[in-house]
Amino acid sequence: MIYREEYMAQLKAFAGSGVIKVVTGLRRSGKSTLLGMFRDELLQSGVAAERIQYINFELMKYDSVRSYRRLYDLVRPNIVSGEKNYLFFDEIQQVDGWEKTVNSLSLECDVDIYVTGSNAYLLSSELATLISGRYVEIRMLPLSFKEYYGYYRGSGRSREDIFNEYLKYGGLPQLLSLPRDEKITDAFLSSIYDTVILKDVIGRNKLKDPDLLRRVFAFVCGNVGSIISANSIAKYIAKEAKLDAALRPATISNLLGMLENAFIVYRADRYDVKGKETLRSLEKYYLADIGLKNTITGYSLENYGHTIENVVYLELLRRGYKVYVGKCENREIDFVAIRKGETKYYQVTESLADKTTREREIAPFYATNDFYEKTIITADKTYVTDANGINIVNLTDFLLS
């Protein structure tokens, strides 16, 4: 197991504060393991086991606990009075009205509460207003390359070999416990895809046309890093599936929203660099895990540039940035990263060796006419680190920095 230092630090920062910790993210991204590690540290620090209740709603033993009343009746009698109690609720979205129980327990008892969920609906319901202002959401992503590389450091394998494996299979933590066998890994990733699509999207939304959802997801996987619209997806699928009637773009938009809510897809809106405003049309989409993308698209050199772009997008999210696609007049900047008043521009490219490519990547930076930090991230191994004030950094150096 990998110690997820970044996320543990966030949990510890809010521990004992009375704030409810809500960890969200893609299924199998490590949320349950994170809670388990935190619970173990509490036990090691001397917290008595009877003051800790850990409920994983994926387990059959809790299958009958599907209402807030049943949950309350299960937990409340085991609260140790006069002491701080620690409550862990894993995949709590399976309990209808769970916020009522969490709200009541937090008001009645001296409790420190930790919750995980694999769907954004967890905090979008009307009931969520019950705990509004009293919770912090911690969004968890699969392993970063830095975490993945750290696991294999000292194994004798080269950085390049480890990175290529990461690009191929992604960063779902459970991969590290599997044999390094392509068939086994592919089967595992396919099962995760099926679980997310079936349980967290189709099941949650009671979809009657799962084939359409799968086609939309496949389109997104095949067009990572490309500007797309619901209208363009609708036209493509209608033609590919030889449908008699046209698909409504609104239907496609709804399906894209469902994929976002399951944390398997992330949307990057366009940002007008000159006007300093978000444009809600013609956005880009990225996958929460590149291994899942490759499961659908296959392993291909044609996808390499978009794959490394996806990796950089996720890394910027991990570093706390809100990430947009930059529009500057008629030019595009791959990423505009904004965090607490700080703005940075990034271009991502396989290589800068070709003069035409180099000029194409640099030109949008000059068009901004501002002094924000500008960086080109390239897969090249180069000694050149600056081009007229524009940073040039190797991809793996950036990911490990």
Protein backbone atom coordinates (compact mmCIF):
# COMPACT_ATOMS: atom_id res chain seq x y z
CA MET A 1 0.00 0.00 0.00
CA ILE A 2 1.10 3.54 -0.72
CA TYR A 3 0.83 6.12 2.03
CA ARG A 4 -1.17 8.93 0.40
CA GLU A 5 0.67 11.69 2.19
CA GLU A 6 -1.11 14.61 0.51
CA TYR A 7 -4.60 13.37 1.38
CA MET A 8 -3.63 12.22 4.87
CA ALA A 9 -2.31 15.72 5.54
CA GLN A 10 -5.68 17.18 4.53
CA LEU A 11 -7.55 14.81 6.84
CA LYS A 12 -5.23 15.61 9.73
CA ALA A 13 -5.59 19.35 9.14
CA PHE A 14 -9.33 19.09 9.85
CA ALA A 15 -9.23 16.28 12.43
CA GLY A 16 -11.10 17.06 15.63
CA SER A 17 -12.34 20.38 14.27
CA GLY A 18 -16.03 19.48 14.17
CA VAL A 19 -15.92 19.77 10.40
CA ILE A 20 -17.24 16.69 8.57
CA LYS A 21 -14.59 15.32 6.20
CA VAL A 22 -16.09 14.16 2.88
CA VAL A 23 -13.66 12.30 0.60
CA THR A 24 -14.94 11.98 -2.96
CA GLY A 25 -13.47 10.53 -6.12
CA LEU A 26 -13.45 7.77 -8.68
CA ARG A 27 -14.26 4.27 -7.44
CA ARG A 28 -11.07 2.36 -6.50
CA SER A 29 -8.98 5.52 -6.35
CA GLY A 30 -7.97 4.75 -2.76
CA LYS A 31 -10.65 6.40 -0.60
CA SER A 32 -11.34 3.32 1.54
CA THR A 33 -7.65 2.66 2.04
CA LEU A 34 -7.17 6.28 3.09
CA LEU A 35 -9.82 5.99 5.80
CA GLY A 36 -8.38 2.67 6.91
CA MET A 37 -4.91 4.19 7.27
CA PHE A 38 -6.28 7.11 9.24
CA ARG A 39 -8.19 4.77 11.55
CA ASP A 40 -5.05 2.69 12.12
CA GLU A 41 -3.09 5.80 13.04
CA LEU A 42 -5.76 6.71 15.58
CA LEU A 43 -5.46 3.25 17.15
CA GLN A 44 -1.67 3.51 17.22
CA SER A 45 -1.92 6.90 18.89
CA GLY A 46 -3.86 5.37 21.76
CA VAL A 47 -7.50 5.94 20.79
CA ALA A 48 -9.53 3.02 22.19
CA ALA A 49 -11.10 0.75 19.57
CA GLU A 50 -14.58 1.13 21.09
CA ARG A 51 -14.47 4.86 20.30
CA ILE A 52 -14.07 4.12 16.58
CA GLN A 53 -16.90 2.93 14.34
CA TYR A 54 -16.03 2.02 10.77
CA ILE A 55 -18.85 1.08 8.38
CA ASN A 56 -18.21 0.09 4.76
CA PHE A 57 -21.52 0.06 2.93
CA GLU A 58 -20.04 -2.10 0.17
CA LEU A 59 -20.03 -5.05 2.60
CA MET A 60 -22.98 -7.45 2.74
CA LYS A 61 -23.20 -7.20 6.53
CA TYR A 62 -24.50 -3.64 6.10
CA ASP A 63 -26.76 -4.42 3.14
CA SER A 64 -29.89 -3.81 5.21
CA VAL A 65 -28.70 -0.35 6.31
CA ARG A 66 -30.09 1.75 3.49
CA SER A 67 -32.03 4.45 5.34
CA TYR A 68 -30.89 7.24 7.61
CA ARG A 69 -33.01 5.83 10.46
CA ARG A 70 -31.39 2.39 10.25
CA LEU A 71 -27.97 4.03 10.17
CA TYR A 72 -28.74 6.14 13.22
CA ASP A 73 -30.04 3.12 15.16
CA LEU A 74 -26.87 1.21 14.27
CA VAL A 75 -24.40 3.91 15.32
CA ARG A 76 -25.98 5.88 18.18
CA PRO A 77 -26.07 3.07 20.82
CA ASN A 78 -22.32 2.49 20.38
CA ILE A 79 -21.27 6.09 21.01
CA VAL A 80 -19.02 6.28 24.09
CA SER A 81 -20.31 9.16 26.19
CA GLY A 82 -17.88 11.67 27.65
CA GLU A 83 -15.23 10.82 25.03
CA LYS A 84 -14.34 11.85 21.51
CA ASN A 85 -15.76 9.29 19.05
CA TYR A 86 -14.58 8.69 15.50
CA LEU A 87 -17.09 7.68 12.83
CA PHE A 88 -16.07 6.40 9.39
CA PHE A 89 -18.75 5.90 6.73
CA ASP A 90 -17.41 4.39 3.50
CA GLU A 91 -19.47 4.76 0.27
CA ILE A 92 -22.26 6.40 2.23
CA GLN A 93 -24.20 7.44 -0.88
CA GLN A 94 -25.93 4.07 -0.65
CA VAL A 95 -27.86 5.27 2.41
CA ASP A 96 -30.91 7.37 1.58
CA GLY A 97 -30.92 10.61 3.55
CA TRP A 98 -27.54 9.91 5.17
CA GLU A 99 -27.08 13.63 5.87
CA LYS A 100 -29.87 13.51 8.46
CA THR A 101 -27.99 10.94 10.52
CA VAL A 102 -24.63 12.65 10.15
CA ASN A 103 -26.17 16.01 11.03
CA SER A 104 -27.93 14.63 14.10
CA LEU A 105 -24.89 12.76 15.40
CA SER A 106 -22.67 15.79 14.96
CA LEU A 107 -25.09 17.90 17.03
CA GLU A 108 -25.85 15.32 19.73
CA CYS A 109 -22.44 13.78 20.37
CA ASP A 110 -18.74 14.53 20.56
CA VAL A 111 -17.84 12.96 17.23
CA ASP A 112 -15.28 13.35 14.47
CA ILE A 113 -16.88 12.21 11.21
CA TYR A 114 -15.28 10.95 7.99
CA VAL A 115 -17.29 10.07 4.88
CA THR A 116 -16.44 8.76 1.41
CA GLY A 117 -18.51 8.62 -1.77
CA SER A 118 -18.06 7.80 -5.45
CA ASN A 119 -20.62 10.20 -6.86
CA ALA A 120 -20.91 13.97 -6.84
CA TYR A 121 -24.62 13.62 -6.06
CA LEU A 122 -23.37 12.95 -2.55
CA LEU A 123 -23.23 16.69 -1.89
CA SER A 124 -25.69 18.01 -4.44
CA SER A 125 -28.97 16.89 -2.90
CA GLU A 126 -31.30 19.14 -0.98
CA LEU A 127 -30.45 17.17 2.17
CA ALA A 128 -26.83 18.32 1.83
CA THR A 129 -27.99 21.74 3.02
CA LEU A 130 -28.28 20.15 6.48
CA ILE A 131 -24.50 20.02 6.75
CA SER A 132 -23.80 23.06 4.59
CA GLY A 133 -20.94 25.09 5.98
CA ARG A 134 -19.90 22.28 8.30
CA TYR A 135 -18.08 19.99 5.91
CA VAL A 136 -14.97 20.05 3.75
CA GLU A 137 -14.75 18.08 0.52
CA ILE A 138 -11.46 16.37 -0.28
CA ARG A 139 -11.38 15.26 -3.91
CA MET A 140 -9.18 12.22 -4.39
CA LEU A 141 -7.51 11.22 -7.63
CA PRO A 142 -5.69 8.00 -8.52
CA LEU A 143 -1.94 7.84 -7.92
CA SER A 144 0.19 10.64 -9.30
CA PHE A 145 3.32 9.64 -11.19
CA LYS A 146 5.33 10.85 -8.22
CA GLU A 147 3.52 8.37 -5.98
CA TYR A 148 3.73 5.60 -8.59
CA TYR A 149 7.43 6.19 -9.17
CA GLY A 150 8.11 6.32 -5.44
CA TYR A 151 6.63 2.84 -5.06
CA TYR A 152 9.07 1.38 -7.61
CA ARG A 153 12.10 3.48 -6.72
CA GLY A 154 15.00 1.21 -5.84
CA SER A 155 13.60 -1.64 -7.93
CA GLY A 156 16.36 -1.28 -10.52
CA ARG A 157 13.91 -0.18 -13.20
CA SER A 158 14.57 3.03 -15.11
CA ARG A 159 12.43 6.13 -14.75
CA GLU A 160 11.52 5.83 -18.43
CA ASP A 161 10.32 2.24 -18.01
CA ILE A 162 8.21 3.12 -14.98
CA PHE A 163 6.73 6.17 -16.70
CA ASN A 164 5.80 4.22 -19.83
CA GLU A 165 4.04 1.66 -17.64
CA TYR A 166 2.21 4.47 -15.84
CA LEU A 167 1.10 5.98 -19.16
CA LYS A 168 -0.17 2.60 -20.27
CA TYR A 169 -1.98 1.34 -17.18
CA GLY A 170 -2.72 4.48 -15.15
CA GLY A 171 -2.60 5.02 -11.42
CA LEU A 172 -5.36 3.04 -9.72
CA PRO A 173 -3.64 1.92 -6.48
CA GLN A 174 -4.77 -1.71 -6.65
CA LEU A 175 -2.70 -2.19 -9.80
CA LEU A 176 0.42 -2.25 -7.64
CA SER A 177 -0.69 -5.46 -5.96
CA LEU A 178 -1.32 -7.26 -9.26
CA PRO A 179 1.23 -9.25 -11.30
CA ARG A 180 2.79 -7.19 -14.08
CA ASP A 181 0.87 -9.07 -16.72
CA GLU A 182 -0.96 -7.25 -19.52
CA LYS A 183 -3.93 -9.62 -19.62
CA ILE A 184 -4.48 -9.41 -15.86
CA THR A 185 -4.14 -5.62 -15.87
CA ASP A 186 -6.51 -5.24 -18.81
CA ALA A 187 -9.09 -7.47 -17.09
CA PHE A 188 -8.81 -5.43 -13.90
CA LEU A 189 -9.25 -2.09 -15.69
CA SER A 190 -12.19 -3.46 -17.67
CA SER A 191 -13.87 -4.56 -14.45
CA ILE A 192 -13.40 -1.11 -12.92
CA TYR A 193 -14.87 0.48 -16.03
CA ASP A 194 -17.88 -1.86 -15.91
CA THR A 195 -18.39 -1.19 -12.19
CA VAL A 196 -18.26 2.59 -12.53
CA ILE A 197 -20.51 2.62 -15.59
CA LEU A 198 -23.01 0.10 -14.23
CA LYS A 199 -23.17 1.10 -10.55
CA ASP A 200 -22.25 4.75 -10.43
CA VAL A 201 -23.82 5.94 -13.67
CA ILE A 202 -26.41 3.55 -15.10
CA GLY A 203 -27.68 2.30 -11.75
CA ARG A 204 -27.65 5.66 -10.03
CA ASN A 205 -29.47 7.40 -12.88
CA LYS A 206 -31.72 4.44 -13.84
CA LEU A 207 -30.71 4.78 -17.50
CA LYS A 208 -32.76 2.87 -20.04
CA ASP A 209 -30.17 3.11 -22.84
CA PRO A 210 -26.78 2.02 -21.47
CA ASP A 211 -25.42 1.55 -25.00
CA LEU A 212 -25.71 5.29 -25.66
CA LEU A 213 -23.82 6.07 -22.46
CA ARG A 214 -21.03 3.69 -23.46
CA ARG A 215 -20.81 5.32 -26.89
CA VAL A 216 -20.57 8.78 -25.33
CA PHE A 217 -17.83 7.61 -22.98
CA ALA A 218 -15.93 5.98 -25.84
CA PHE A 219 -16.17 9.22 -27.83
CA VAL A 220 -14.72 11.18 -24.90
CA CYS A 221 -11.88 8.64 -24.50
CA GLY A 222 -11.05 8.89 -28.18
CA ASN A 223 -11.09 12.69 -28.16
CA VAL A 224 -9.25 13.56 -24.96
CA GLY A 225 -7.70 16.99 -25.33
CA SER A 226 -9.86 17.94 -28.30
CA ILE A 227 -12.49 20.67 -28.31
CA ILE A 228 -15.88 18.94 -28.45
CA SER A 229 -19.53 19.80 -28.01
CA ALA A 230 -22.69 17.87 -27.22
CA ASN A 231 -23.86 18.65 -30.74
CA SER A 232 -20.76 17.16 -32.38
CA ILE A 233 -21.03 14.02 -30.23
CA ALA A 234 -24.72 13.65 -31.08
CA LYS A 235 -24.03 13.88 -34.82
CA TYR A 236 -21.13 11.43 -34.66
CA ILE A 237 -23.00 8.78 -32.68
CA ALA A 238 -26.15 9.10 -34.80
CA LYS A 239 -24.07 8.49 -37.91
CA GLU A 240 -21.94 5.70 -36.40
CA ALA A 241 -24.93 3.86 -34.95
CA LYS A 242 -27.00 4.49 -38.09
CA LEU A 243 -29.87 5.86 -36.06
CA ASP A 244 -33.12 6.73 -37.81
CA ALA A 245 -33.75 9.80 -35.67
CA ALA A 246 -31.33 12.54 -34.66
CA LEU A 247 -29.96 12.56 -31.12
CA ARG A 248 -30.75 15.59 -29.01
CA PRO A 249 -27.62 17.47 -27.80
CA ALA A 250 -29.41 17.93 -24.46
CA THR A 251 -29.44 14.15 -24.04
CA ILE A 252 -25.69 14.01 -24.65
CA SER A 253 -25.11 16.86 -22.19
CA ASN A 254 -27.03 14.97 -19.52
CA LEU A 255 -24.92 11.85 -20.08
CA LEU A 256 -21.70 13.85 -19.93
CA GLY A 257 -22.89 15.31 -16.63
CA MET A 258 -23.53 11.82 -15.27
CA LEU A 259 -19.99 10.77 -16.18
CA GLU A 260 -18.62 13.86 -14.46
CA ASN A 261 -20.68 13.13 -11.35
CA ALA A 262 -19.14 9.64 -11.20
CA PHE A 263 -15.68 11.29 -11.23
CA ILE A 264 -14.60 9.27 -14.27
CA VAL A 265 -14.58 12.32 -16.55
CA TYR A 266 -13.45 15.90 -15.89
CA ARG A 267 -14.49 18.90 -17.94
CA ALA A 268 -12.10 21.76 -18.69
CA ASP A 269 -14.01 24.89 -19.67
CA ARG A 270 -12.52 27.42 -22.06
CA TYR A 271 -11.15 30.64 -20.57
CA ASP A 272 -10.85 33.91 -22.47
CA VAL A 273 -7.36 35.09 -21.52
CA LYS A 274 -7.95 38.67 -22.65
CA GLY A 275 -11.47 39.00 -21.26
CA LYS A 276 -10.69 37.04 -18.06
CA GLU A 277 -13.94 35.11 -18.25
CA THR A 278 -15.10 31.51 -18.55
CA LEU A 279 -16.72 30.43 -21.82
CA ARG A 280 -19.31 27.70 -21.35
CA SER A 281 -19.14 26.10 -24.77
CA LEU A 282 -16.78 23.91 -26.78
CA GLU A 283 -14.98 22.50 -23.75
CA LYS A 284 -12.43 19.70 -23.43
CA TYR A 285 -12.76 16.50 -21.43
CA TYR A 286 -10.14 14.45 -19.62
CA LEU A 287 -10.25 11.06 -17.92
CA ALA A 288 -9.71 10.60 -14.18
CA ASP A 289 -7.37 7.73 -14.98
CA ILE A 290 -5.47 7.19 -18.22
CA GLY A 291 -5.55 3.42 -17.79
CA LEU A 292 -9.33 3.53 -18.16
CA LYS A 293 -8.93 5.64 -21.29
CA ASN A 294 -6.54 3.13 -22.80
CA THR A 295 -8.94 0.31 -21.96
CA ILE A 296 -11.37 1.88 -24.43
CA THR A 297 -9.03 3.34 -27.07
CA GLY A 298 -6.23 0.77 -26.91
CA TYR A 299 -2.51 1.50 -26.74
CA SER A 300 -1.52 3.62 -29.71
CA LEU A 301 1.19 6.10 -30.64
CA GLU A 302 -1.51 8.30 -32.15
CA ASN A 303 -2.89 8.84 -28.64
CA TYR A 304 0.46 9.62 -27.00
CA GLY A 305 0.22 13.42 -27.17
CA HIS A 306 -3.29 13.46 -25.74
CA THR A 307 -2.31 10.95 -23.07
CA ILE A 308 0.51 13.11 -21.70
CA GLU A 309 -1.81 16.14 -21.87
CA ASN A 310 -4.29 14.19 -19.72
CA VAL A 311 -1.52 13.39 -17.22
CA VAL A 312 -0.54 17.06 -16.91
CA TYR A 313 -4.17 18.14 -16.50
CA LEU A 314 -4.62 15.75 -13.55
CA GLU A 315 -1.33 16.85 -12.01
CA LEU A 316 -2.43 20.50 -12.07
CA LEU A 317 -5.68 19.50 -10.35
CA ARG A 318 -3.67 17.67 -7.67
CA ARG A 319 -1.68 20.85 -7.06
CA GLY A 320 -4.86 22.71 -6.26
CA TYR A 321 -5.40 24.62 -9.48
CA LYS A 322 -8.65 25.27 -11.27
CA VAL A 323 -7.71 24.29 -14.81
CA TYR A 324 -9.10 25.80 -17.99
CA VAL A 325 -8.37 25.63 -21.71
CA GLY A 326 -7.02 29.03 -22.71
CA LYS A 327 -8.46 31.02 -25.63
CA CYS A 328 -6.36 33.97 -26.72
CA GLU A 329 -7.81 35.63 -29.82
CA ASN A 330 -7.66 32.84 -32.43
CA ARG A 331 -5.02 30.83 -30.57
CA GLU A 332 -5.25 28.19 -27.86
CA ILE A 333 -3.21 27.62 -24.70
CA ASP A 334 -3.45 24.04 -23.46
CA PHE A 335 -3.98 25.00 -19.82
CA VAL A 336 -4.65 28.13 -17.82
CA ALA A 337 -4.09 27.17 -14.17
CA ILE A 338 -5.55 29.49 -11.53
CA ARG A 339 -5.08 29.18 -7.76
CA LYS A 340 -5.68 31.83 -5.10
CA GLY A 341 -5.01 34.76 -7.43
CA GLU A 342 -2.06 33.03 -9.08
CA THR A 343 -2.28 32.33 -12.82
CA LYS A 344 0.05 30.15 -14.91
CA TYR A 345 0.01 29.10 -18.56
CA TYR A 346 1.07 25.66 -19.81
CA GLN A 347 1.60 24.09 -23.20
CA VAL A 348 2.13 20.32 -23.45
CA THR A 349 3.90 18.75 -26.41
CA GLU A 350 5.70 15.53 -27.32
CA SER A 351 8.71 17.36 -28.73
CA LEU A 352 10.09 20.81 -29.48
CA ALA A 353 12.74 19.51 -31.88
CA ASP A 354 10.79 20.62 -34.95
CA LYS A 355 10.97 24.37 -35.59
CA THR A 356 7.36 24.60 -36.79
CA THR A 357 6.11 22.84 -33.66
CA ARG A 358 8.25 25.07 -31.45
CA GLU A 359 6.86 28.24 -33.01
CA ARG A 360 3.29 26.93 -32.79
CA GLU A 361 3.64 26.19 -29.07
CA ILE A 362 5.25 29.52 -28.21
CA ALA A 363 3.01 31.82 -30.30
CA PRO A 364 -0.07 31.73 -27.99
CA PHE A 365 2.10 32.87 -25.05
CA TYR A 366 3.20 35.99 -26.89
CA ALA A 367 -0.40 36.80 -27.76
CA THR A 368 -1.41 37.03 -24.07
CA ASN A 369 0.51 40.27 -23.63
CA ASP A 370 0.84 39.71 -19.88
CA PHE A 371 3.52 38.67 -17.40
CA TYR A 372 2.05 35.47 -15.96
CA GLU A 373 4.42 32.51 -15.72
CA LYS A 374 4.55 30.54 -18.96
CA THR A 375 5.80 26.95 -19.27
CA ILE A 376 6.16 24.42 -22.07
CA ILE A 377 6.15 20.82 -20.82
CA THR A 378 7.79 18.44 -23.29
CA ALA A 379 8.68 14.76 -23.41
CA ASP A 380 12.06 15.82 -24.81
CA LYS A 381 15.15 15.33 -22.70
CA THR A 382 16.72 18.72 -23.19
CA TYR A 383 19.28 20.94 -21.51
CA VAL A 384 17.40 24.04 -22.70
CA THR A 385 15.31 25.39 -19.82
CA ASP A 386 14.32 28.83 -21.14
CA ALA A 387 13.20 30.39 -24.41
CA ASN A 388 12.87 34.17 -24.21
CA GLY A 389 11.47 34.00 -20.68
CA ILE A 390 9.30 30.93 -21.31
CA ASN A 391 10.15 27.96 -19.10
CA ILE A 392 10.87 24.64 -20.80
CA VAL A 393 10.67 21.57 -18.58
CA ASN A 394 10.86 17.84 -19.17
CA LEU A 395 7.58 16.03 -18.53
CA THR A 396 8.77 13.58 -15.88
CA ASP A 397 10.86 16.30 -14.19
CA PHE A 398 7.69 18.37 -13.91
CA LEU A 399 5.64 15.46 -12.54
CA LEU A 400 8.29 14.62 -9.94
CA SER A 401 8.96 18.24 -8.90
